[in-house]
PDB file of N, CA and C in Angstrom:
ATOM      1  N   UNK A   1      -0.175  57.411  12.440  1.00  0.00           N
ATOM      2  CA  UNK A   1      -0.586  56.541  13.413  1.00  0.00           C
ATOM      3  C   UNK A   1      -1.914  55.946  13.082  1.00  0.00           C
ATOM      4  N   UNK A   2      -2.400  54.004  11.950  1.00  0.00           N
ATOM      5  CA  UNK A   2      -2.809  54.119  12.286  1.00  0.00           C
ATOM      6  C   UNK A   2      -3.734  52.312  13.173  1.00  0.00           C
ATOM      7  N   UNK A   3      -5.107  52.054  13.360  1.00  0.00           N
ATOM      8  CA  UNK A   3      -5.439  51.374  14.179  1.00  0.00           C
ATOM      9  C   UNK A   3      -6.643  51.042  13.481  1.00  0.00           C
ATOM     10  N   UNK A   4      -6.169  49.150  14.036  1.00  0.00           N
ATOM     11  CA  UNK A   4      -6.645  48.121  13.516  1.00  0.00           C
ATOM     12  C   UNK A   4      -7.345  47.285  14.186  1.00  0.00           C
ATOM     13  N   UNK A   5      -8.855  46.659  14.556  1.00  0.00           N
ATOM     14  CA  UNK A   5      -9.221  45.688  15.421  1.00  0.00           C
ATOM     15  C   UNK A   5      -8.993  44.436  14.690  1.00  0.00           C
ATOM     16  N   UNK A   6      -8.220  43.890  15.023  1.00  0.00           N
ATOM     17  CA  UNK A   6      -7.836  41.772  14.600  1.00  0.00           C
ATOM     18  C   UNK A   6      -8.187  40.466  15.409  1.00  0.00           C
ATOM     19  N   UNK A   7      -8.359  40.088  14.721  1.00  0.00           N
ATOM     20  CA  UNK A   7      -8.768  38.826  15.364  1.00  0.00           C
ATOM     21  C   UNK A   7      -7.732  37.640  14.952  1.00  0.00           C
ATOM     22  N   UNK A   8      -6.719  36.490  15.632  1.00  0.00           N
ATOM     23  CA  UNK A   8      -6.873  35.547  15.263  1.00  0.00           C
ATOM     24  C   UNK A   8      -6.691  34.207  16.097  1.00  0.00           C
ATOM     25  N   UNK A   9      -6.701  33.182  15.065  1.00  0.00           N
ATOM     26  CA  UNK A   9      -6.987  31.749  15.733  1.00  0.00           C
ATOM     27  C   UNK A   9      -6.355  31.027  15.438  1.00  0.00           C
ATOM     28  N   UNK A  10      -6.185  29.873  16.547  1.00  0.00           N
ATOM     29  CA  UNK A  10      -5.206  28.720  16.875  1.00  0.00           C
ATOM     30  C   UNK A  10      -6.110  27.553  17.102  1.00  0.00           C
ATOM     31  N   UNK A  11      -5.293  26.629  16.779  1.00  0.00           N
ATOM     32  CA  UNK A  11      -5.647  25.461  16.933  1.00  0.00           C
ATOM     33  C   UNK A  11      -4.404  24.693  17.224  1.00  0.00           C
ATOM     34  N   UNK A  12      -4.701  23.890  18.635  1.00  0.00           N
ATOM     35  CA  UNK A  12      -3.554  23.221  19.586  1.00  0.00           C
ATOM     36  C   UNK A  12      -3.929  21.767  18.790  1.00  0.00           C
ATOM     37  N   UNK A  13      -2.835  21.439  18.169  1.00  0.00           N
ATOM     38  CA  UNK A  13      -2.770  20.294  17.383  1.00  0.00           C
ATOM     39  C   UNK A  13      -2.230  19.301  17.998  1.00  0.00           C
ATOM     40  N   UNK A  14      -1.440  19.686  19.375  1.00  0.00           N
ATOM     41  CA  UNK A  14       0.134  19.247  19.995  1.00  0.00           C
ATOM     42  C   UNK A  14       0.390  19.995  21.446  1.00  0.00           C
ATOM     43  N   UNK A  15       0.967  19.248  22.364  1.00  0.00           N
ATOM     44  CA  UNK A  15       1.201  20.191  23.352  1.00  0.00           C
ATOM     45  C   UNK A  15       2.100  21.473  23.646  1.00  0.00           C
ATOM     46  N   UNK A  16       3.032  21.027  22.321  1.00  0.00           N
ATOM     47  CA  UNK A  16       4.100  21.874  22.704  1.00  0.00           C
ATOM     48  C   UNK A  16       3.659  23.578  22.922  1.00  0.00           C
ATOM     49  N   UNK A  17       4.653  24.227  23.835  1.00  0.00           N
ATOM     50  CA  UNK A  17       4.226  25.850  23.659  1.00  0.00           C
ATOM     51  C   UNK A  17       4.072  26.811  21.869  1.00  0.00           C
ATOM     52  N   UNK A  18       3.065  26.984  21.888  1.00  0.00           N
ATOM     53  CA  UNK A  18       2.283  27.712  20.423  1.00  0.00           C
ATOM     54  C   UNK A  18       2.559  29.365  20.695  1.00  0.00           C
ATOM     55  N   UNK A  19       3.257  29.670  19.364  1.00  0.00           N
ATOM     56  CA  UNK A  19       2.908  30.972  19.283  1.00  0.00           C
ATOM     57  C   UNK A  19       1.332  31.581  18.760  1.00  0.00           C
ATOM     58  N   UNK A  20       0.938  32.433  19.241  1.00  0.00           N
ATOM     59  CA  UNK A  20      -1.085  33.172  18.439  1.00  0.00           C
ATOM     60  C   UNK A  20      -0.436  34.649  18.395  1.00  0.00           C
ATOM     61  N   UNK A  21       0.555  35.275  18.374  1.00  0.00           N
ATOM     62  CA  UNK A  21       0.135  36.170  18.462  1.00  0.00           C
ATOM     63  C   UNK A  21       1.979  37.001  18.677  1.00  0.00           C
ATOM     64  N   UNK A  22       2.388  37.744  17.417  1.00  0.00           N
ATOM     65  CA  UNK A  22       3.620  38.167  17.625  1.00  0.00           C
ATOM     66  C   UNK A  22       3.276  40.001  17.076  1.00  0.00           C
ATOM     67  N   UNK A  23       3.320  41.222  18.191  1.00  0.00           N
ATOM     68  CA  UNK A  23       3.876  42.372  17.909  1.00  0.00           C
ATOM     69  C   UNK A  23       5.081  42.353  17.516  1.00  0.00           C
ATOM     70  N   UNK A  24       4.702  43.238  15.489  1.00  0.00           N
ATOM     71  CA  UNK A  24       6.379  43.817  14.878  1.00  0.00           C
ATOM     72  C   UNK A  24       7.272  45.117  15.980  1.00  0.00           C
ATOM     73  N   UNK A  25       7.742  45.171  15.249  1.00  0.00           N
ATOM     74  CA  UNK A  25       8.736  46.149  15.706  1.00  0.00           C
ATOM     75  C   UNK A  25       8.490  47.483  15.689  1.00  0.00           C
ATOM     76  N   UNK A  26       7.457  47.769  15.106  1.00  0.00           N
ATOM     77  CA  UNK A  26       6.849  49.057  14.632  1.00  0.00           C
ATOM     78  C   UNK A  26       5.834  49.348  14.909  1.00  0.00           C
ATOM     79  N   UNK A  27       4.535  48.372  15.838  1.00  0.00           N
ATOM     80  CA  UNK A  27       3.138  48.257  16.131  1.00  0.00           C
ATOM     81  C   UNK A  27       3.165  47.990  17.967  1.00  0.00           C
ATOM     82  N   UNK A  28       2.464  48.607  18.820  1.00  0.00           N
ATOM     83  CA  UNK A  28       1.834  47.598  19.425  1.00  0.00           C
ATOM     84  C   UNK A  28       0.552  47.307  19.748  1.00  0.00           C
ATOM     85  N   UNK A  29      -0.054  46.670  21.096  1.00  0.00           N
ATOM     86  CA  UNK A  29      -1.634  46.068  20.865  1.00  0.00           C
ATOM     87  C   UNK A  29      -2.233  45.808  21.966  1.00  0.00           C
ATOM     88  N   UNK A  30      -3.264  46.263  21.972  1.00  0.00           N
ATOM     89  CA  UNK A  30      -4.415  46.266  23.488  1.00  0.00           C
ATOM     90  C   UNK A  30      -5.225  44.751  23.000  1.00  0.00           C
ATOM     91  N   UNK A  31      -4.552  43.786  23.755  1.00  0.00           N
ATOM     92  CA  UNK A  31      -5.526  42.200  23.751  1.00  0.00           C
ATOM     93  C   UNK A  31      -6.886  42.676  24.309  1.00  0.00           C
ATOM     94  N   UNK A  32      -7.614  42.382  23.791  1.00  0.00           N
ATOM     95  CA  UNK A  32      -9.058  42.176  24.888  1.00  0.00           C
ATOM     96  C   UNK A  32      -9.211  41.037  25.045  1.00  0.00           C
ATOM     97  N   UNK A  33      -9.093  39.769  24.311  1.00  0.00           N
ATOM     98  CA  UNK A  33      -9.432  38.477  24.640  1.00  0.00           C
ATOM     99  C   UNK A  33      -8.462  37.425  24.462  1.00  0.00           C
ATOM    100  N   UNK A  34      -8.212  36.523  25.286  1.00  0.00           N
ATOM    101  CA  UNK A  34      -7.870  35.352  24.554  1.00  0.00           C
ATOM    102  C   UNK A  34      -8.521  34.141  25.273  1.00  0.00           C
ATOM    103  N   UNK A  35      -9.200  33.770  23.826  1.00  0.00           N
ATOM    104  CA  UNK A  35     -10.591  32.724  24.454  1.00  0.00           C
ATOM    105  C   UNK A  35     -10.207  31.345  23.806  1.00  0.00           C
ATOM    106  N   UNK A  36     -10.001  30.284  24.207  1.00  0.00           N
ATOM    107  CA  UNK A  36     -10.111  29.088  24.677  1.00  0.00           C
ATOM    108  C   UNK A  36     -11.185  28.091  24.959  1.00  0.00           C
ATOM    109  N   UNK A  37     -11.156  27.020  23.663  1.00  0.00           N
ATOM    110  CA  UNK A  37     -12.343  26.201  24.278  1.00  0.00           C
ATOM    111  C   UNK A  37     -11.934  24.808  24.061  1.00  0.00           C
ATOM    112  N   UNK A  38     -12.768  23.880  24.627  1.00  0.00           N
ATOM    113  CA  UNK A  38     -12.457  22.396  24.524  1.00  0.00           C
ATOM    114  C   UNK A  38     -13.741  22.073  24.048  1.00  0.00           C
ATOM    115  N   UNK A  39     -12.767  21.195  23.306  1.00  0.00           N
ATOM    116  CA  UNK A  39     -14.548  20.599  22.430  1.00  0.00           C
ATOM    117  C   UNK A  39     -15.216  18.595  22.518  1.00  0.00           C
ATOM    118  N   UNK A  40     -14.582  18.247  24.016  1.00  0.00           N
ATOM    119  CA  UNK A  40     -15.480  17.548  24.248  1.00  0.00           C
ATOM    120  C   UNK A  40     -14.831  17.570  25.986  1.00  0.00           C
ATOM    121  N   UNK A  41     -15.541  15.791  26.952  1.00  0.00           N
ATOM    122  CA  UNK A  41     -15.081  15.644  28.068  1.00  0.00           C
ATOM    123  C   UNK A  41     -13.490  15.488  28.606  1.00  0.00           C
ATOM    124  N   UNK A  42     -13.186  15.809  28.431  1.00  0.00           N
ATOM    125  CA  UNK A  42     -11.056  16.059  28.073  1.00  0.00           C
ATOM    126  C   UNK A  42     -10.600  17.019  28.986  1.00  0.00           C
ATOM    127  N   UNK A  43     -10.188  16.644  30.327  1.00  0.00           N
ATOM    128  CA  UNK A  43      -9.854  17.808  31.082  1.00  0.00           C
ATOM    129  C   UNK A  43      -8.601  18.363  30.674  1.00  0.00           C
ATOM    130  N   UNK A  44      -8.150  19.481  29.907  1.00  0.00           N
ATOM    131  CA  UNK A  44      -7.257  20.063  29.372  1.00  0.00           C
ATOM    132  C   UNK A  44      -6.515  21.210  29.762  1.00  0.00           C
ATOM    133  N   UNK A  45      -5.507  21.142  30.719  1.00  0.00           N
ATOM    134  CA  UNK A  45      -4.582  22.320  31.160  1.00  0.00           C
ATOM    135  C   UNK A  45      -4.288  23.004  30.059  1.00  0.00           C
ATOM    136  N   UNK A  46      -4.526  24.350  30.687  1.00  0.00           N
ATOM    137  CA  UNK A  46      -4.127  25.925  29.191  1.00  0.00           C
ATOM    138  C   UNK A  46      -3.340  26.424  30.627  1.00  0.00           C
ATOM    139  N   UNK A  47      -2.255  27.221  29.733  1.00  0.00           N
ATOM    140  CA  UNK A  47      -1.476  28.009  30.454  1.00  0.00           C
ATOM    141  C   UNK A  47      -1.213  29.251  29.119  1.00  0.00           C
ATOM    142  N   UNK A  48      -0.992  30.082  29.435  1.00  0.00           N
ATOM    143  CA  UNK A  48      -0.924  31.266  28.467  1.00  0.00           C
ATOM    144  C   UNK A  48       0.574  32.551  29.095  1.00  0.00           C
ATOM    145  N   UNK A  49       1.130  32.405  28.230  1.00  0.00           N
ATOM    146  CA  UNK A  49       2.351  33.086  28.446  1.00  0.00           C
ATOM    147  C   UNK A  49       3.035  34.060  27.922  1.00  0.00           C
ATOM    148  N   UNK A  50       3.360  35.321  28.084  1.00  0.00           N
ATOM    149  CA  UNK A  50       3.699  36.199  27.215  1.00  0.00           C
ATOM    150  C   UNK A  50       5.176  36.598  27.186  1.00  0.00           C
ATOM    151  N   UNK A  51       6.055  37.062  26.316  1.00  0.00           N
ATOM    152  CA  UNK A  51       7.171  36.994  26.501  1.00  0.00           C
ATOM    153  C   UNK A  51       7.598  38.429  25.572  1.00  0.00           C
ATOM    154  N   UNK A  52       8.166  38.896  26.979  1.00  0.00           N
ATOM    155  CA  UNK A  52       8.004  40.640  26.128  1.00  0.00           C
ATOM    156  C   UNK A  52       9.602  40.656  25.637  1.00  0.00           C
ATOM    157  N   UNK A  53       9.600  41.563  24.867  1.00  0.00           N
ATOM    158  CA  UNK A  53      11.218  42.154  23.692  1.00  0.00           C
ATOM    159  C   UNK A  53      12.396  42.002  24.532  1.00  0.00           C
ATOM    160  N   UNK A  54      13.233  40.517  24.154  1.00  0.00           N
ATOM    161  CA  UNK A  54      14.278  40.351  24.829  1.00  0.00           C
ATOM    162  C   UNK A  54      13.727  39.672  25.974  1.00  0.00           C
ATOM    163  N   UNK A  55      13.071  39.039  26.657  1.00  0.00           N
ATOM    164  CA  UNK A  55      13.261  38.604  27.762  1.00  0.00           C
ATOM    165  C   UNK A  55      12.404  37.191  27.652  1.00  0.00           C
ATOM    166  N   UNK A  56      12.543  36.519  28.510  1.00  0.00           N
ATOM    167  CA  UNK A  56      11.920  35.262  28.411  1.00  0.00           C
ATOM    168  C   UNK A  56      10.267  35.013  28.216  1.00  0.00           C
ATOM    169  N   UNK A  57       9.753  33.484  28.372  1.00  0.00           N
ATOM    170  CA  UNK A  57       8.016  33.603  28.530  1.00  0.00           C
ATOM    171  C   UNK A  57       7.435  33.488  30.173  1.00  0.00           C
ATOM    172  N   UNK A  58       7.005  34.190  30.387  1.00  0.00           N
ATOM    173  CA  UNK A  58       6.567  34.399  31.579  1.00  0.00           C
ATOM    174  C   UNK A  58       4.685  34.373  31.994  1.00  0.00           C
ATOM    175  N   UNK A  59       4.564  33.021  32.598  1.00  0.00           N
ATOM    176  CA  UNK A  59       3.036  32.659  32.452  1.00  0.00           C
ATOM    177  C   UNK A  59       2.438  34.394  32.789  1.00  0.00           C
ATOM    178  N   UNK A  60       1.024  34.245  32.458  1.00  0.00           N
ATOM    179  CA  UNK A  60       0.197  35.265  33.011  1.00  0.00           C
ATOM    180  C   UNK A  60      -1.267  34.371  33.123  1.00  0.00           C
ATOM    181  N   UNK A  61      -1.280  33.455  32.706  1.00  0.00           N
ATOM    182  CA  UNK A  61      -2.594  32.653  32.874  1.00  0.00           C
ATOM    183  C   UNK A  61      -2.659  31.019  32.808  1.00  0.00           C
ATOM    184  N   UNK A  62      -3.788  30.274  33.752  1.00  0.00           N
ATOM    185  CA  UNK A  62      -3.711  29.529  33.837  1.00  0.00           C
ATOM    186  C   UNK A  62      -5.099  28.839  34.132  1.00  0.00           C
ATOM    187  N   UNK A  63      -5.539  27.670  33.753  1.00  0.00           N
ATOM    188  CA  UNK A  63      -6.870  27.225  33.896  1.00  0.00           C
ATOM    189  C   UNK A  63      -7.116  25.708  33.317  1.00  0.00           C
ATOM    190  N   UNK A  64      -7.627  24.615  34.113  1.00  0.00           N
ATOM    191  CA  UNK A  64      -8.204  23.453  34.010  1.00  0.00           C
ATOM    192  C   UNK A  64      -9.404  23.059  33.102  1.00  0.00           C
ATOM    193  N   UNK A  65      -9.557  23.571  31.673  1.00  0.00           N
ATOM    194  CA  UNK A  65     -10.768  23.414  31.393  1.00  0.00           C
ATOM    195  C   UNK A  65     -11.255  21.924  30.346  1.00  0.00           C
ATOM    196  N   UNK A  66     -12.660  21.526  30.875  1.00  0.00           N
ATOM    197  CA  UNK A  66     -13.452  20.264  30.315  1.00  0.00           C
ATOM    198  C   UNK A  66     -15.039  20.571  29.854  1.00  0.00           C
ATOM    199  N   UNK A  67     -14.910  20.429  28.246  1.00  0.00           N
ATOM    200  CA  UNK A  67     -15.981  20.942  27.658  1.00  0.00           C
ATOM    201  C   UNK A  67     -16.586  22.203  28.146  1.00  0.00           C
ATOM    202  N   UNK A  68     -15.109  23.458  28.140  1.00  0.00           N
ATOM    203  CA  UNK A  68     -15.785  24.447  28.288  1.00  0.00           C
ATOM    204  C   UNK A  68     -15.076  25.339  27.468  1.00  0.00           C
ATOM    205  N   UNK A  69     -15.513  27.149  27.598  1.00  0.00           N
ATOM    206  CA  UNK A  69     -14.735  27.977  27.134  1.00  0.00           C
ATOM    207  C   UNK A  69     -14.691  29.021  27.985  1.00  0.00           C
ATOM    208  N   UNK A  70     -13.390  29.351  28.260  1.00  0.00           N
ATOM    209  CA  UNK A  70     -12.807  30.398  28.982  1.00  0.00           C
ATOM    210  C   UNK A  70     -12.345  31.259  28.248  1.00  0.00           C
ATOM    211  N   UNK A  71     -12.194  33.095  28.997  1.00  0.00           N
ATOM    212  CA  UNK A  71     -10.901  34.210  28.589  1.00  0.00           C
ATOM    213  C   UNK A  71     -10.252  34.603  29.185  1.00  0.00           C
ATOM    214  N   UNK A  72      -8.993  33.821  28.958  1.00  0.00           N
ATOM    215  CA  UNK A  72      -7.953  34.537  29.614  1.00  0.00           C
ATOM    216  C   UNK A  72      -7.525  35.412  30.380  1.00  0.00           C
ATOM    217  N   UNK A  73      -7.808  36.543  29.222  1.00  0.00           N
ATOM    218  CA  UNK A  73      -7.126  38.111  29.325  1.00  0.00           C
ATOM    219  C   UNK A  73      -8.492  38.729  30.206  1.00  0.00           C
ATOM    220  N   UNK A  74      -9.005  38.596  31.866  1.00  0.00           N
ATOM    221  CA  UNK A  74      -9.917  38.936  32.534  1.00  0.00           C
ATOM    222  C   UNK A  74      -9.904  40.417  32.373  1.00  0.00           C
ATOM    223  N   UNK A  75      -8.635  41.029  31.811  1.00  0.00           N
ATOM    224  CA  UNK A  75      -8.954  42.578  31.844  1.00  0.00           C
ATOM    225  C   UNK A  75      -8.404  42.616  30.357  1.00  0.00           C
ATOM    226  N   UNK A  76      -7.444  43.534  30.372  1.00  0.00           N
ATOM    227  CA  UNK A  76      -6.796  43.560  28.764  1.00  0.00           C
ATOM    228  C   UNK A  76      -5.199  43.353  29.464  1.00  0.00           C
ATOM    229  N   UNK A  77      -4.500  43.117  27.790  1.00  0.00           N
ATOM    230  CA  UNK A  77      -2.865  42.316  28.588  1.00  0.00           C
ATOM    231  C   UNK A  77      -2.204  43.728  26.764  1.00  0.00           C
ATOM    232  N   UNK A  78      -1.458  44.337  27.734  1.00  0.00           N
ATOM    233  CA  UNK A  78      -0.533  45.302  27.232  1.00  0.00           C
ATOM    234  C   UNK A  78       0.533  44.796  26.586  1.00  0.00           C
ATOM    235  N   UNK A  79       0.487  44.844  24.890  1.00  0.00           N
ATOM    236  CA  UNK A  79       1.447  44.443  24.338  1.00  0.00           C
ATOM    237  C   UNK A  79       2.954  45.658  23.941  1.00  0.00           C
ATOM    238  N   UNK A  80       3.795  44.897  23.712  1.00  0.00           N
ATOM    239  CA  UNK A  80       4.749  46.160  23.159  1.00  0.00           C
ATOM    240  C   UNK A  80       5.320  45.522  22.266  1.00  0.00           C
ATOM    241  N   UNK A  81       6.093  46.377  20.889  1.00  0.00           N
ATOM    242  CA  UNK A  81       6.710  46.101  19.909  1.00  0.00           C
ATOM    243  C   UNK A  81       7.855  45.063  20.795  1.00  0.00           C
ATOM    244  N   UNK A  82       7.591  44.029  19.644  1.00  0.00           N
ATOM    245  CA  UNK A  82       8.408  42.525  19.591  1.00  0.00           C
ATOM    246  C   UNK A  82       7.750  41.543  20.620  1.00  0.00           C
ATOM    247  N   UNK A  83       6.668  41.960  20.987  1.00  0.00           N
ATOM    248  CA  UNK A  83       6.215  41.259  22.348  1.00  0.00           C
ATOM    249  C   UNK A  83       5.629  39.939  21.387  1.00  0.00           C
ATOM    250  N   UNK A  84       5.425  38.627  22.020  1.00  0.00           N
ATOM    251  CA  UNK A  84       4.564  37.684  22.176  1.00  0.00           C
ATOM    252  C   UNK A  84       3.864  36.979  22.790  1.00  0.00           C
ATOM    253  N   UNK A  85       2.746  36.599  22.361  1.00  0.00           N
ATOM    254  CA  UNK A  85       1.494  35.492  23.298  1.00  0.00           C
ATOM    255  C   UNK A  85       2.322  34.286  22.718  1.00  0.00           C
ATOM    256  N   UNK A  86       1.640  33.597  23.957  1.00  0.00           N
ATOM    257  CA  UNK A  86       1.770  32.185  23.744  1.00  0.00           C
ATOM    258  C   UNK A  86       0.802  31.178  24.370  1.00  0.00           C
ATOM    259  N   UNK A  87       0.371  29.955  23.767  1.00  0.00           N
ATOM    260  CA  UNK A  87      -0.753  29.027  24.540  1.00  0.00           C
ATOM    261  C   UNK A  87      -0.099  27.817  24.816  1.00  0.00           C
ATOM    262  N   UNK A  88      -0.601  27.274  25.963  1.00  0.00           N
ATOM    263  CA  UNK A  88       0.279  25.702  25.967  1.00  0.00           C
ATOM    264  C   UNK A  88      -0.982  24.582  26.140  1.00  0.00           C
ATOM    265  N   UNK A  89      -1.588  23.828  25.601  1.00  0.00           N
ATOM    266  CA  UNK A  89      -2.260  22.755  26.423  1.00  0.00           C
ATOM    267  C   UNK A  89      -1.613  21.643  26.448  1.00  0.00           C
ATOM    268  N   UNK A  90      -2.433  20.515  27.634  1.00  0.00           N
ATOM    269  CA  UNK A  90      -1.857  19.644  28.258  1.00  0.00           C
ATOM    270  C   UNK A  90      -2.454  18.625  27.411  1.00  0.00           C
ATOM    271  N   UNK A  91      -3.425  18.515  26.359  1.00  0.00           N
ATOM    272  CA  UNK A  91      -3.742  17.267  25.648  1.00  0.00           C
ATOM    273  C   UNK A  91      -4.249  18.401  24.092  1.00  0.00           C
ATOM    274  N   UNK A  92      -3.418  17.552  23.365  1.00  0.00           N
ATOM    275  CA  UNK A  92      -3.330  17.515  21.658  1.00  0.00           C
ATOM    276  C   UNK A  92      -4.665  17.025  21.102  1.00  0.00           C
ATOM    277  N   UNK A  93      -4.733  17.969  20.591  1.00  0.00           N
ATOM    278  CA  UNK A  93      -6.198  18.280  19.248  1.00  0.00           C
ATOM    279  C   UNK A  93      -7.526  18.325  19.998  1.00  0.00           C
ATOM    280  N   UNK A  94      -7.276  18.495  20.981  1.00  0.00           N
ATOM    281  CA  UNK A  94      -8.609  19.356  21.829  1.00  0.00           C
ATOM    282  C   UNK A  94      -9.062  20.389  21.908  1.00  0.00           C
ATOM    283  N   UNK A  95      -8.567  21.149  21.706  1.00  0.00           N
ATOM    284  CA  UNK A  95      -8.689  22.687  21.897  1.00  0.00           C
ATOM    285  C   UNK A  95      -8.381  23.647  20.781  1.00  0.00           C
ATOM    286  N   UNK A  96      -8.970  24.548  20.714  1.00  0.00           N
ATOM    287  CA  UNK A  96      -8.676  25.828  19.722  1.00  0.00           C
ATOM    288  C   UNK A  96      -9.064  26.881  20.219  1.00  0.00           C
ATOM    289  N   UNK A  97      -9.338  28.363  19.700  1.00  0.00           N
ATOM    290  CA  UNK A  97      -9.273  29.503  20.203  1.00  0.00           C
ATOM    291  C   UNK A  97      -9.483  30.744  19.673  1.00  0.00           C
ATOM    292  N   UNK A  98      -9.187  31.819  19.878  1.00  0.00           N
ATOM    293  CA  UNK A  98      -9.044  32.697  19.411  1.00  0.00           C
ATOM    294  C   UNK A  98      -8.666  33.996  20.207  1.00  0.00           C
ATOM    295  N   UNK A  99      -7.715  34.975  19.544  1.00  0.00           N
ATOM    296  CA  UNK A  99      -6.774  36.185  20.281  1.00  0.00           C
ATOM    297  C   UNK A  99      -7.822  37.497  19.175  1.00  0.00           C
ATOM    298  N   UNK A 100      -8.499  38.434  20.437  1.00  0.00           N
ATOM    299  CA  UNK A 100      -9.045  39.994  19.400  1.00  0.00           C
ATOM    300  C   UNK A 100      -7.881  40.640  20.372  1.00  0.00           C
ATOM    301  N   UNK A 101      -7.470  41.594  19.160  1.00  0.00           N
ATOM    302  CA  UNK A 101      -6.848  42.826  19.830  1.00  0.00           C
ATOM    303  C   UNK A 101      -6.991  44.185  19.035  1.00  0.00           C
ATOM    304  N   UNK A 102      -6.348  44.986  19.735  1.00  0.00           N
ATOM    305  CA  UNK A 102      -6.014  46.452  18.275  1.00  0.00           C
ATOM    306  C   UNK A 102      -4.628  46.673  18.476  1.00  0.00           C
ATOM    307  N   UNK A 103      -4.764  46.864  17.184  1.00  0.00           N
ATOM    308  CA  UNK A 103      -3.011  46.783  16.689  1.00  0.00           C
ATOM    309  C   UNK A 103      -3.013  47.958  16.382  1.00  0.00           C
ATOM    310  N   UNK A 104      -2.130  49.162  17.004  1.00  0.00           N
ATOM    311  CA  UNK A 104      -1.624  50.240  16.395  1.00  0.00           C
ATOM    312  C   UNK A 104      -0.565  50.058  15.909  1.00  0.00           C
ATOM    313  N   UNK A 105      -0.355  50.414  14.559  1.00  0.00           N
ATOM    314  CA  UNK A 105       0.227  50.671  13.781  1.00  0.00           C
ATOM    315  C   UNK A 105       0.998  52.111  14.079  1.00  0.00           C
ATOM    316  N   UNK A 106       2.572  52.192  14.080  1.00  0.00           N
ATOM    317  CA  UNK A 106       3.159  53.205  14.653  1.00  0.00           C
ATOM    318  C   UNK A 106       4.382  53.301  13.229  1.00  0.00           C
ATOM    319  N   UNK A 107       4.356  52.857  12.454  1.00  0.00           N
ATOM    320  CA  UNK A 107       5.249  53.032  11.502  1.00  0.00           C
ATOM    321  C   UNK A 107       5.283  53.710  10.428  1.00  0.00           C
ATOM    322  N   UNK A 108       4.101  54.817  10.405  1.00  0.00           N
ATOM    323  CA  UNK A 108       3.849  55.895   9.727  1.00  0.00           C
ATOM    324  C   UNK A 108       4.338  57.332  10.330  1.00  0.00           C
ATOM    325  N   UNK A 109       4.545  57.115  12.283  1.00  0.00           N
ATOM    326  CA  UNK A 109       5.307  58.342  12.406  1.00  0.00           C
ATOM    327  C   UNK A 109       6.431  59.195  11.935  1.00  0.00           C
ATOM    328  N   UNK A 110       6.453  60.336  12.184  1.00  0.00           N
ATOM    329  CA  UNK A 110       7.649  60.777  12.163  1.00  0.00           C
ATOM    330  C   UNK A 110       9.023  61.124  13.313  1.00  0.00           C
ATOM    331  N   UNK A 111       9.979  60.716  13.488  1.00  0.00           N
ATOM    332  CA  UNK A 111      10.572  60.865  14.057  1.00  0.00           C
ATOM    333  C   UNK A 111      11.052  59.663  15.011  1.00  0.00           C
TER     334      UNK A 111
END
């Protein structure tokens, strides 16, 4: 089993639900932060969704930002094999962010 500290950035160029992190079927992850930022004086509604493997999108966080930054993971988010983290912004080209997480790769485990 190998552990990797990783981060992914995202730029929300439209208002569609956007995948920002997908966990492979041979790994699990502990998400430390889902940070988003609005770059000017525009009210942007943010929504964060978690899709469990084989399930549907479930909203886990929501906030309205105006030239501000917020961390949507107030504690940690545990993600299992096949889980997907998605974000959505109500206004295009005004928001970006980063996901910081610990990826635990189980592909080398025996059994």
